[in-house]
Protein backbone atom coordinates (compact mmCIF):
# COMPACT_ATOMS: atom_id res chain seq x y z
CA UNK A 1 176.81 -106.94 50.22
CA UNK A 2 175.67 -104.28 52.57
CA UNK A 3 175.24 -100.92 51.04
CA UNK A 4 177.17 -99.00 53.74
CA UNK A 5 180.26 -101.05 52.94
CA UNK A 6 180.94 -99.20 49.66
CA UNK A 7 184.15 -97.54 50.73
CA UNK A 8 185.78 -100.61 52.28
CA UNK A 9 184.69 -103.12 49.54
CA UNK A 10 184.54 -101.32 46.29
CA UNK A 11 187.41 -99.24 44.88
CA UNK A 12 186.67 -95.99 42.97
CA UNK A 13 188.23 -97.33 39.65
CA UNK A 14 189.97 -100.36 38.06
CA UNK A 15 193.64 -100.50 38.82
CA UNK A 16 195.96 -98.32 36.83
CA UNK A 17 198.57 -101.08 36.79
CA UNK A 18 197.13 -103.81 34.46
CA UNK A 19 199.81 -106.10 35.86
CA UNK A 20 198.74 -105.80 39.30
CA UNK A 21 195.86 -107.82 40.91
CA UNK A 22 192.38 -106.49 40.15
CA UNK A 23 190.03 -105.90 43.05
CA UNK A 24 186.92 -108.17 43.47
CA UNK A 25 184.70 -105.11 42.74
CA UNK A 26 185.60 -101.66 41.48
CA UNK A 27 183.72 -98.67 40.20
CA UNK A 28 184.44 -95.99 37.52
CA UNK A 29 182.52 -93.10 36.40
CA UNK A 30 182.82 -92.26 32.64
CA UNK A 31 182.55 -88.46 32.25
CA UNK A 32 183.46 -87.77 28.61
CA UNK A 33 182.46 -88.96 25.34
CA UNK A 34 185.83 -90.51 24.44
CA UNK A 35 185.66 -92.69 27.50
CA UNK A 36 182.23 -93.92 26.40
CA UNK A 37 183.78 -95.17 23.14
CA UNK A 38 186.33 -97.16 25.08
CA UNK A 39 183.50 -99.34 26.27
CA UNK A 40 181.50 -99.51 23.09
CA UNK A 41 182.07 -103.14 22.51
CA UNK A 42 180.80 -104.12 26.08
CA UNK A 43 178.04 -101.59 25.96
CA UNK A 44 176.45 -102.89 22.77
CA UNK A 45 176.82 -106.50 23.75
CA UNK A 46 174.56 -105.94 26.56
CA UNK A 47 170.80 -105.76 25.77
CA UNK A 48 168.87 -102.72 26.79
CA UNK A 49 166.34 -100.12 25.82
CA UNK A 50 166.60 -97.81 22.81
CA UNK A 51 167.21 -94.89 25.10
CA UNK A 52 170.37 -96.43 26.40
CA UNK A 53 171.83 -97.38 23.09
CA UNK A 54 175.42 -95.75 23.00
CA UNK A 55 174.79 -93.84 19.76
CA UNK A 56 171.41 -92.39 20.78
CA UNK A 57 172.78 -91.47 24.15
CA UNK A 58 175.93 -89.68 22.73
CA UNK A 59 173.77 -87.77 20.24
CA UNK A 60 171.59 -86.64 23.03
CA UNK A 61 174.59 -85.53 25.07
CA UNK A 62 175.99 -83.68 22.14
CA UNK A 63 172.77 -81.97 20.82
CA UNK A 64 171.11 -80.84 24.12
CA UNK A 65 172.46 -77.54 25.47
CA UNK A 66 171.34 -78.35 29.09
CA UNK A 67 173.49 -81.46 29.16
CA UNK A 68 176.83 -80.63 30.85
CA UNK A 69 178.47 -84.16 30.41
CA UNK A 70 177.89 -87.76 30.42
CA UNK A 71 177.77 -89.71 33.89
CA UNK A 72 178.05 -93.29 33.20
CA UNK A 73 178.76 -95.62 36.31
CA UNK A 74 180.46 -98.83 35.36
CA UNK A 75 180.93 -101.64 37.90
CA UNK A 76 183.92 -104.09 37.40
CA UNK A 77 184.52 -107.57 38.79
CA UNK A 78 188.12 -108.53 38.86
CA UNK A 79 188.77 -105.87 36.11
CA UNK A 80 185.97 -107.01 33.75
CA UNK A 81 182.94 -104.79 33.31
CA UNK A 82 179.90 -106.36 34.92
CA UNK A 83 177.06 -103.69 34.89
CA UNK A 84 176.50 -100.05 34.09
CA UNK A 85 174.18 -97.30 34.82
CA UNK A 86 173.73 -94.74 32.02
CA UNK A 87 173.11 -91.15 32.84
CA UNK A 88 174.15 -87.54 32.23
CA UNK A 89 174.64 -84.48 34.24
CA UNK A 90 172.22 -81.59 33.35
CA UNK A 91 171.74 -78.00 34.39
CA UNK A 92 167.94 -77.27 34.27
CA UNK A 93 165.03 -75.58 35.76
CA UNK A 94 163.20 -78.10 38.04
CA UNK A 95 159.54 -77.42 37.74
CA UNK A 96 156.68 -78.65 40.02
CA UNK A 97 153.23 -79.03 38.82
CA UNK A 98 149.73 -79.44 40.48
CA UNK A 99 147.50 -80.56 37.52
CA UNK A 100 148.35 -78.45 34.55
CA UNK A 101 149.47 -75.58 36.81
CA UNK A 102 153.26 -75.16 36.40
CA UNK A 103 154.91 -73.56 39.41
CA UNK A 104 158.02 -71.26 39.20
CA UNK A 105 161.17 -73.34 38.27
CA UNK A 106 164.28 -73.72 40.34
CA UNK A 107 167.69 -73.95 38.87
CA UNK A 108 169.30 -77.28 39.78
CA UNK A 109 172.04 -79.63 38.67
CA UNK A 110 170.48 -83.24 38.06
CA UNK A 111 171.96 -86.53 37.28
CA UNK A 112 169.45 -88.19 34.93
CA UNK A 113 169.65 -91.86 34.26
CA UNK A 114 167.92 -93.03 30.92
CA UNK A 115 165.09 -95.32 30.79
CA UNK A 116 166.56 -98.88 30.63
CA UNK A 117 169.93 -97.38 31.50
CA UNK A 118 171.02 -100.19 33.69
CA UNK A 119 172.84 -102.82 31.39
CA UNK A 120 174.76 -105.92 32.08
CA UNK A 121 174.41 -108.06 35.21
CA UNK A 122 172.20 -105.80 37.36
CA UNK A 123 171.78 -108.14 40.30
CA UNK A 124 170.76 -107.09 43.73
CA UNK A 125 174.39 -106.77 44.78
CA UNK A 126 175.52 -104.76 41.60
CA UNK A 127 172.54 -102.59 41.48
CA UNK A 128 173.43 -101.73 45.28
CA UNK A 129 176.80 -100.57 44.32
CA UNK A 130 175.51 -98.49 41.30
CA UNK A 131 173.27 -96.72 43.56
CA UNK A 132 176.06 -96.12 46.22
CA UNK A 133 178.06 -94.51 43.49
CA UNK A 134 175.18 -92.15 42.70
CA UNK A 135 174.99 -91.17 46.30
CA UNK A 136 178.56 -90.61 46.52
CA UNK A 137 178.37 -88.17 43.62
CA UNK A 138 175.52 -86.35 45.38
CA UNK A 139 177.48 -86.19 48.66
CA UNK A 140 180.46 -84.80 46.74
CA UNK A 141 178.40 -81.90 45.42
CA UNK A 142 178.31 -83.06 41.61
CA UNK A 143 174.44 -82.52 41.58
CA UNK A 144 171.49 -81.53 43.68
CA UNK A 145 169.58 -84.62 42.84
CA UNK A 146 169.48 -87.83 40.73
CA UNK A 147 166.58 -88.93 38.62
CA UNK A 148 166.11 -92.61 37.49
CA UNK A 149 163.58 -92.60 34.73
CA UNK A 150 161.01 -95.29 34.45
CA UNK A 151 162.56 -98.06 36.57
CA UNK A 152 160.86 -101.56 36.57
CA UNK A 153 159.19 -101.86 40.05
CA UNK A 154 160.20 -105.54 40.11
CA UNK A 155 163.99 -104.88 39.58
CA UNK A 156 166.67 -104.87 42.19
CA UNK A 157 167.61 -101.42 41.04
CA UNK A 158 164.05 -100.10 42.04
CA UNK A 159 164.46 -101.61 45.47
CA UNK A 160 168.04 -100.26 46.21
CA UNK A 161 167.21 -96.73 44.86
CA UNK A 162 164.25 -96.40 47.37
CA UNK A 163 165.81 -98.18 50.44
CA UNK A 164 169.57 -97.26 50.28
CA UNK A 165 169.10 -93.67 51.11
CA UNK A 166 168.32 -91.72 54.36
CA UNK A 167 164.80 -90.13 55.14
CA UNK A 168 165.95 -86.61 54.04
CA UNK A 169 167.23 -87.89 50.51
CA UNK A 170 164.61 -90.43 49.93
CA UNK A 171 161.70 -90.12 47.30
CA UNK A 172 158.66 -90.24 49.57
CA UNK A 173 155.90 -90.01 46.70
CA UNK A 174 157.09 -92.58 44.17
CA UNK A 175 154.13 -94.78 43.20
CA UNK A 176 154.59 -97.37 40.42
CA UNK A 177 152.14 -96.95 37.48
CA UNK A 178 151.34 -99.42 34.59
CA UNK A 179 153.35 -99.08 31.56
CA UNK A 180 151.19 -100.32 28.62
CA UNK A 181 152.54 -102.84 26.16
CA UNK A 182 151.11 -104.77 23.18
CA UNK A 183 152.36 -108.19 22.28
CA UNK A 184 151.93 -108.14 18.57
CA UNK A 185 150.60 -111.30 16.72
CA UNK A 186 151.76 -112.53 13.35
CA UNK A 187 148.66 -111.50 11.31
CA UNK A 188 146.32 -108.51 11.25
CA UNK A 189 143.49 -111.09 11.69
CA UNK A 190 144.94 -112.35 14.94
CA UNK A 191 145.41 -108.72 15.95
CA UNK A 192 141.69 -107.84 15.74
CA UNK A 193 140.82 -111.21 17.40
CA UNK A 194 142.86 -110.06 20.42
CA UNK A 195 140.66 -106.93 20.96
CA UNK A 196 137.56 -106.93 22.91
CA UNK A 197 134.28 -106.96 21.22
CA UNK A 198 133.65 -103.39 22.11
CA UNK A 199 137.00 -102.04 20.86
CA UNK A 200 136.59 -103.94 17.60
CA UNK A 201 133.17 -102.42 17.06
CA UNK A 202 134.49 -98.90 17.85
CA UNK A 203 137.47 -99.32 15.45
CA UNK A 204 135.16 -100.58 12.59
CA UNK A 205 132.75 -97.81 13.18
CA UNK A 206 135.55 -95.16 13.24
CA UNK A 207 136.98 -96.43 9.97
CA UNK A 208 133.66 -96.64 8.19
CA UNK A 209 132.90 -92.99 9.20
CA UNK A 210 136.26 -91.84 7.84
CA UNK A 211 135.96 -93.87 4.62
CA UNK A 212 132.31 -92.65 4.04
CA UNK A 213 133.24 -88.92 4.43
CA UNK A 214 136.49 -89.02 2.45
CA UNK A 215 136.14 -91.83 0.00
CA UNK A 216 139.07 -91.93 -2.36
CA UNK A 217 140.58 -88.89 -0.56
CA UNK A 218 142.54 -90.82 2.19
CA UNK A 219 146.21 -91.54 1.97
CA UNK A 220 148.71 -92.82 4.62
CA UNK A 221 152.45 -93.08 4.33
CA UNK A 222 155.22 -95.01 6.35
CA UNK A 223 158.56 -92.94 6.44
CA UNK A 224 161.82 -94.82 7.26
CA UNK A 225 164.67 -93.06 5.59
CA UNK A 226 166.40 -89.65 6.07
CA UNK A 227 165.41 -88.49 2.45
CA UNK A 228 161.72 -89.22 3.11
CA UNK A 229 162.05 -87.61 6.52
CA UNK A 230 163.24 -84.23 5.00
CA UNK A 231 160.29 -84.16 2.80
CA UNK A 232 157.64 -84.81 5.36
CA UNK A 233 158.98 -82.78 8.46
CA UNK A 234 157.14 -79.73 7.09
CA UNK A 235 154.02 -81.65 7.09
CA UNK A 236 154.62 -82.97 10.67
CA UNK A 237 155.11 -79.42 11.77
CA UNK A 238 151.80 -78.21 10.11
CA UNK A 239 149.89 -80.69 12.32
CA UNK A 240 152.04 -80.26 15.46
CA UNK A 241 151.55 -76.56 15.71
CA UNK A 242 147.87 -77.07 16.08
CA UNK A 243 147.85 -79.58 18.91
CA UNK A 244 147.41 -79.18 22.64
CA UNK A 245 150.90 -80.72 23.06
CA UNK A 246 152.36 -77.54 21.56
CA UNK A 247 150.38 -75.43 23.99
CA UNK A 248 152.21 -77.35 26.84
CA UNK A 249 155.58 -76.98 25.17
CA UNK A 250 155.96 -80.69 24.56
CA UNK A 251 155.65 -83.02 21.49
CA UNK A 252 157.00 -82.78 18.10
CA UNK A 253 158.57 -79.59 16.95
CA UNK A 254 160.69 -78.80 13.90
CA UNK A 255 163.85 -77.98 15.83
CA UNK A 256 167.65 -78.92 15.12
CA UNK A 257 167.64 -81.33 17.96
CA UNK A 258 164.64 -83.19 17.03
CA UNK A 259 165.71 -83.41 13.41
CA UNK A 260 168.98 -84.88 14.40
CA UNK A 261 167.29 -87.38 16.67
CA UNK A 262 164.96 -88.43 13.95
CA UNK A 263 167.82 -88.68 11.39
CA UNK A 264 169.82 -90.82 13.76
CA UNK A 265 166.79 -93.09 13.99
CA UNK A 266 166.67 -93.37 10.19
CA UNK A 267 170.35 -94.08 9.76
CA UNK A 268 170.16 -96.77 12.32
CA UNK A 269 167.15 -98.38 10.69
CA UNK A 270 164.87 -97.81 13.56
CA UNK A 271 162.54 -95.03 12.37
CA UNK A 272 158.90 -95.67 11.79
CA UNK A 273 156.91 -92.40 11.01
CA UNK A 274 153.23 -92.68 9.85
CA UNK A 275 151.20 -89.74 8.42
CA UNK A 276 147.73 -89.54 7.37
CA UNK A 277 146.49 -87.12 4.53
CA UNK A 278 142.88 -86.09 3.92
CA UNK A 279 142.29 -84.45 0.62
CA UNK A 280 146.11 -84.17 0.38
CA UNK A 281 146.30 -82.27 3.71
CA UNK A 282 148.48 -83.52 6.51
CA UNK A 283 146.13 -84.44 9.41
CA UNK A 284 147.64 -86.89 11.82
CA UNK A 285 150.99 -88.62 12.58
CA UNK A 286 152.66 -91.39 14.77
CA UNK A 287 156.39 -91.43 15.10
CA UNK A 288 158.36 -93.99 16.84
CA UNK A 289 161.32 -96.51 16.44
CA UNK A 290 161.62 -100.24 16.09
CA UNK A 291 164.59 -101.62 18.15
CA UNK A 292 165.32 -105.12 19.10
CA UNK A 293 161.69 -106.15 17.80
CA UNK A 294 160.04 -103.53 19.91
CA UNK A 295 158.26 -100.41 18.71
CA UNK A 296 158.42 -97.35 21.13
CA UNK A 297 156.34 -94.33 20.53
CA UNK A 298 158.06 -90.96 20.28
CA UNK A 299 155.59 -88.36 19.04
CA UNK A 300 151.94 -88.27 18.02
CA UNK A 301 149.62 -85.58 17.10
CA UNK A 302 146.45 -84.73 14.93
CA UNK A 303 144.65 -81.75 13.58
CA UNK A 304 141.85 -81.01 15.95
CA UNK A 305 139.70 -79.86 13.00
CA UNK A 306 139.24 -83.48 12.16
CA UNK A 307 138.67 -84.70 15.66
CA UNK A 308 135.22 -85.89 15.14
CA UNK A 309 136.60 -88.49 12.68
CA UNK A 310 138.89 -90.01 15.35
CA UNK A 311 141.93 -89.66 13.00
CA UNK A 312 144.38 -90.22 15.95
CA UNK A 313 142.93 -93.72 16.43
CA UNK A 314 142.84 -94.33 12.65
CA UNK A 315 146.60 -93.58 12.07
CA UNK A 316 147.45 -95.65 15.19
CA UNK A 317 145.44 -98.74 14.23
CA UNK A 318 147.05 -98.24 10.62
CA UNK A 319 150.61 -98.26 12.16
CA UNK A 320 149.89 -101.25 14.41
CA UNK A 321 148.53 -103.24 11.38
CA UNK A 322 151.81 -102.46 9.41
CA UNK A 323 153.91 -103.33 12.55
CA UNK A 324 152.26 -106.70 12.49
CA UNK A 325 153.08 -107.21 8.83
CA UNK A 326 156.67 -106.31 9.48
CA UNK A 327 157.10 -108.92 12.12
CA UNK A 328 157.47 -106.49 15.14
CA UNK A 329 156.99 -108.34 18.28
CA UNK A 330 156.02 -105.70 20.80
CA UNK A 331 154.64 -102.19 21.01
CA UNK A 332 154.99 -99.98 24.17
CA UNK A 333 152.74 -96.97 24.68
CA UNK A 334 154.40 -95.66 27.78
CA UNK A 335 153.19 -94.60 31.14
CA UNK A 336 149.93 -92.81 31.88
CA UNK A 337 146.35 -93.71 31.86
CA UNK A 338 145.04 -92.52 28.45
CA UNK A 339 142.10 -94.57 27.17
CA UNK A 340 143.68 -95.57 23.99
CA UNK A 341 146.51 -97.19 25.71
CA UNK A 342 144.20 -99.43 27.65
CA UNK A 343 142.29 -100.25 24.42
CA UNK A 344 145.36 -101.22 22.59
CA UNK A 345 147.39 -102.95 25.18
CA UNK A 346 147.30 -106.59 26.31
CA UNK A 347 149.88 -106.66 28.95
CA UNK A 348 151.73 -104.08 31.24
CA UNK A 349 154.61 -103.74 33.52
CA UNK A 350 154.64 -101.48 36.75
CA UNK A 351 157.30 -98.85 36.61
CA UNK A 352 158.19 -95.64 38.49
CA UNK A 353 160.60 -92.80 38.26
CA UNK A 354 162.70 -92.47 41.31
CA UNK A 355 164.26 -89.16 42.74
CA UNK A 356 167.28 -89.35 45.07
CA UNK A 357 168.23 -85.90 46.74
CA UNK A 358 171.46 -84.61 47.77
CA UNK A 359 172.00 -84.42 51.69
CA UNK A 360 172.25 -80.70 51.41
CA UNK A 361 169.91 -77.78 52.29
CA UNK A 362 168.95 -77.26 48.73
CA UNK A 363 168.50 -81.16 48.22
CA UNK A 364 166.30 -81.33 51.14
CA UNK A 365 164.28 -78.11 50.16
CA UNK A 366 163.72 -79.72 46.64
CA UNK A 367 162.50 -82.97 48.28
CA UNK A 368 160.18 -81.07 50.53
CA UNK A 369 158.64 -79.09 47.69
CA UNK A 370 158.25 -82.18 45.51
CA UNK A 371 156.60 -84.19 48.25
CA UNK A 372 154.05 -81.43 48.96
CA UNK A 373 153.21 -80.62 45.35
CA UNK A 374 152.96 -84.24 44.18
CA UNK A 375 150.90 -85.10 47.32
CA UNK A 376 148.64 -82.22 46.69
CA UNK A 377 148.25 -83.08 42.97
CA UNK A 378 147.28 -86.60 43.83
CA UNK A 379 144.68 -85.58 46.38
CA UNK A 380 142.97 -83.19 43.95
CA UNK A 381 143.00 -85.94 41.21
CA UNK A 382 141.61 -88.32 43.62
CA UNK A 383 138.76 -85.92 44.49
CA UNK A 384 138.08 -85.07 40.88
CA UNK A 385 137.94 -88.82 39.98
CA UNK A 386 135.54 -89.53 42.72
CA UNK A 387 133.26 -86.77 41.48
CA UNK A 388 133.63 -87.76 37.85
CA UNK A 389 135.09 -84.36 36.95
CA UNK A 390 138.59 -85.30 36.14
CA UNK A 391 138.01 -86.45 32.53
CA UNK A 392 135.88 -83.29 31.82
CA UNK A 393 138.55 -80.99 33.22
CA UNK A 394 141.28 -82.77 31.27
CA UNK A 395 139.24 -82.15 28.04
CA UNK A 396 138.47 -78.62 28.82
CA UNK A 397 142.09 -77.81 29.55
CA UNK A 398 143.40 -79.58 26.35
CA UNK A 399 140.71 -77.65 24.34
CA UNK A 400 141.88 -74.46 25.74
CA UNK A 401 145.61 -75.35 24.87
CA UNK A 402 144.46 -76.34 21.36
CA UNK A 403 142.81 -72.86 20.72
CA UNK A 404 145.84 -71.21 21.96
CA UNK A 405 147.93 -73.17 19.53
CA UNK A 406 145.56 -72.44 16.62
CA UNK A 407 145.55 -68.78 17.37
CA UNK A 408 149.32 -68.80 17.44
CA UNK A 409 149.19 -70.27 13.90
CA UNK A 410 146.80 -67.86 12.47
CA UNK A 411 148.29 -64.90 14.02
């Protein structure tokens, strides 16, 4: 099916008269939470990423003040749902970065489609129609741009989101990056056998150092229930407020939105939170979920006072050992080139987030700004990598952010 045939071959919604003949293909955009509930049965029958789970998605829409409404595109074949693209409309400040330098934000309305937000039979033909619906919403003035989060580079959706739009609206700087995954074995012994000799040696040395310096004073906990969560959230905050992530305004924070999210994880049986104590002091944590046999990381942090003992690596390997014992099949560490991700992973997929800009003056302006800043950022990173300065600069910047966070704690 050609993309430009949207108007002639796909109707905007299923027929209102159920006794009438259903068109071969039709589209409907769900814009309210009650409309989502009407498709709960179909939605939950289709496999998908945790972020596109109907309860997680609905809670996100309800709890985030920047979210205006849902925007879920459903494709029907002869009146039966065939595929969907799960997203929301937000009003936010669109920011552009060059390295850690954040430029002034621009207010924009954005259609954001969740990671793994395509569910059902997302074939080449159906993904083309889903993308055309997004384009129609942008042409109709519903948003200034659309953002498809972490799309599999081998998927039909990726191809159509990049090729089905004109030059002015197209994402010119999308570049797939590896998403690191770890297939988990059945036993801890097999887990260590899967690591390289170098990594095994490093893990053993780090463990030995920690046990040598804190013998009998090390405690780790796994938290899965809401009652346990309420007890340890102050401990998580005590760690998070000292991290460089807090200096960047990201990561865990004891906010009502994050509390609700973590309690939802606990209620659905997904929550896996691990926390390390040294001398009864909370020092490091890993928080994530187990959904359909896959662990997905959510938050991580450690007290920089104990950095020399590699407590971040210690709590992570403790978590992975426990996930193996629980029979979890896979763990994902997300995009990005952090060394620990390469050390732990044993497979990867290529993914990228894709922008589609509205065919308006504002949309073209935003596209131009993004193209210039992303291209500049990549050129600078490439130069720093060639001169071996990038790692040193990242460490320096994170140390500065950590000091800022520490000062805020003590002031």
